Structure formats: structure tokens, C-alpha cells
């Protein structure tokens, strides 16, 4: 089965393309895909008002889309790490 990258962490955790992943939550960074957001800088209602760009910065800094989600995240599996 083909896997697609999470828009936040980039790990291959999506089983469908981003535009079809309605309300999908990435188990690696806990970003909830928001198909209604049209810009990476637009606040996402699905993610407590943070933007995708902020979530990406957060993931690089501390490993989750937001500090409040740290308890839910996990390390990526080997097959989820992009080549």
C-alpha cells in the first residue's frame, strides 16, 4: 500500500493523499489534517488555531505539532521515514 507524507512532520503516515485525508491525525506528530485550510500560515480550527507552519516549527523543535500533544506522539517507524 502506498503511503503519503504528513504535511507537518513529513513522515509517511497517510494512507491517502493529503487532500483526501479528512480529519486524519498523524500518530508521529499528532497534526490533524485540515482540508479546509488553504495556506500554511492560516490558523487551523482542527488544531486549536495553530498554523501548519507553526506546527512544522514545533515538530522540529520538540517532536509534536504542539506541546499539549507531546503525550500522544510516537517515534516514526522505519518504513515511515522518507528516503
Protein backbone atom coordinates (compact mmCIF):
# COMPACT_ATOMS: atom_id res chain seq x y z
CA UNK A 1 0.00 0.00 0.00
CA UNK A 2 1.33 3.42 -0.93
CA UNK A 3 1.92 5.88 1.91
CA UNK A 4 1.85 9.68 1.71
CA UNK A 5 3.71 12.27 3.83
CA UNK A 6 2.14 14.09 6.74
CA UNK A 7 2.17 17.82 5.92
CA UNK A 8 3.57 18.60 9.38
CA UNK A 9 6.33 16.08 10.11
CA UNK A 10 6.84 14.65 6.63
CA UNK A 11 6.64 11.05 7.81
CA UNK A 12 4.84 8.59 5.54
CA UNK A 13 1.81 8.03 7.77
CA UNK A 14 -1.08 8.91 5.43
CA UNK A 15 -2.79 6.11 3.50
CA UNK A 16 -4.40 8.64 1.13
CA UNK A 17 -3.13 11.91 -0.36
CA UNK A 18 -3.26 15.00 1.87
CA UNK A 19 -6.26 16.48 0.03
CA UNK A 20 -8.29 13.31 0.75
CA UNK A 21 -7.16 12.79 4.35
CA UNK A 22 -10.13 14.41 6.06
CA UNK A 23 -9.58 14.74 9.83
CA UNK A 24 -6.69 12.24 9.75
CA UNK A 25 -4.38 12.54 12.77
CA UNK A 26 -0.72 11.68 12.27
CA UNK A 27 0.49 9.32 15.02
CA UNK A 28 4.03 10.71 14.78
CA UNK A 29 3.37 14.44 15.32
CA UNK A 30 -0.38 14.45 16.13
CA UNK A 31 -1.23 17.03 13.45
CA UNK A 32 -4.87 16.71 12.37
CA UNK A 33 -5.13 17.23 8.64
CA UNK A 34 -7.39 20.18 7.87
CA UNK A 35 -8.57 20.11 4.25
CA UNK A 36 -10.26 23.49 4.61
CA UNK A 37 -7.06 25.45 5.26
CA UNK A 38 -5.68 26.93 2.05
CA UNK A 39 -2.36 28.36 3.28
CA UNK A 40 0.40 27.01 5.52
CA UNK A 41 0.15 30.24 7.55
CA UNK A 42 -3.63 30.09 8.05
CA UNK A 43 -4.81 29.09 11.56
CA UNK A 44 -6.40 25.64 11.64
CA UNK A 45 -9.59 25.17 13.63
CA UNK A 46 -8.82 21.43 13.75
CA UNK A 47 -5.51 22.18 15.51
CA UNK A 48 -6.52 24.68 18.19
CA UNK A 49 -5.81 27.67 15.94
CA UNK A 50 -2.17 26.98 15.12
CA UNK A 51 -0.98 27.12 11.53
CA UNK A 52 0.75 24.31 9.68
CA UNK A 53 3.93 26.40 9.51
CA UNK A 54 3.94 26.82 13.31
CA UNK A 55 3.23 23.11 13.77
CA UNK A 56 6.18 22.25 11.49
CA UNK A 57 8.46 24.52 13.56
CA UNK A 58 7.14 22.91 16.75
CA UNK A 59 7.79 19.41 15.40
CA UNK A 60 11.38 20.31 14.53
CA UNK A 61 11.86 21.89 17.98
CA UNK A 62 10.26 19.34 20.31
CA UNK A 63 8.71 16.49 18.32
CA UNK A 64 5.00 17.31 18.22
CA UNK A 65 2.73 19.78 16.42
CA UNK A 66 2.03 21.42 19.80
CA UNK A 67 3.39 20.94 23.34
CA UNK A 68 -0.03 19.82 24.55
CA UNK A 69 0.15 16.88 22.11
CA UNK A 70 3.52 15.52 23.29
CA UNK A 71 1.91 12.74 25.32
CA UNK A 72 0.20 11.36 22.20
CA UNK A 73 3.08 11.24 19.72
CA UNK A 74 5.44 8.38 18.91
CA UNK A 75 8.69 7.91 17.02
CA UNK A 76 8.28 7.14 13.32
CA UNK A 77 8.55 3.50 12.27
CA UNK A 78 11.44 2.75 9.87
CA UNK A 79 9.06 2.45 6.92
CA UNK A 80 7.54 5.87 7.73
CA UNK A 81 10.83 7.74 7.44
CA UNK A 82 11.09 9.33 3.98
CA UNK A 83 14.07 8.26 1.88
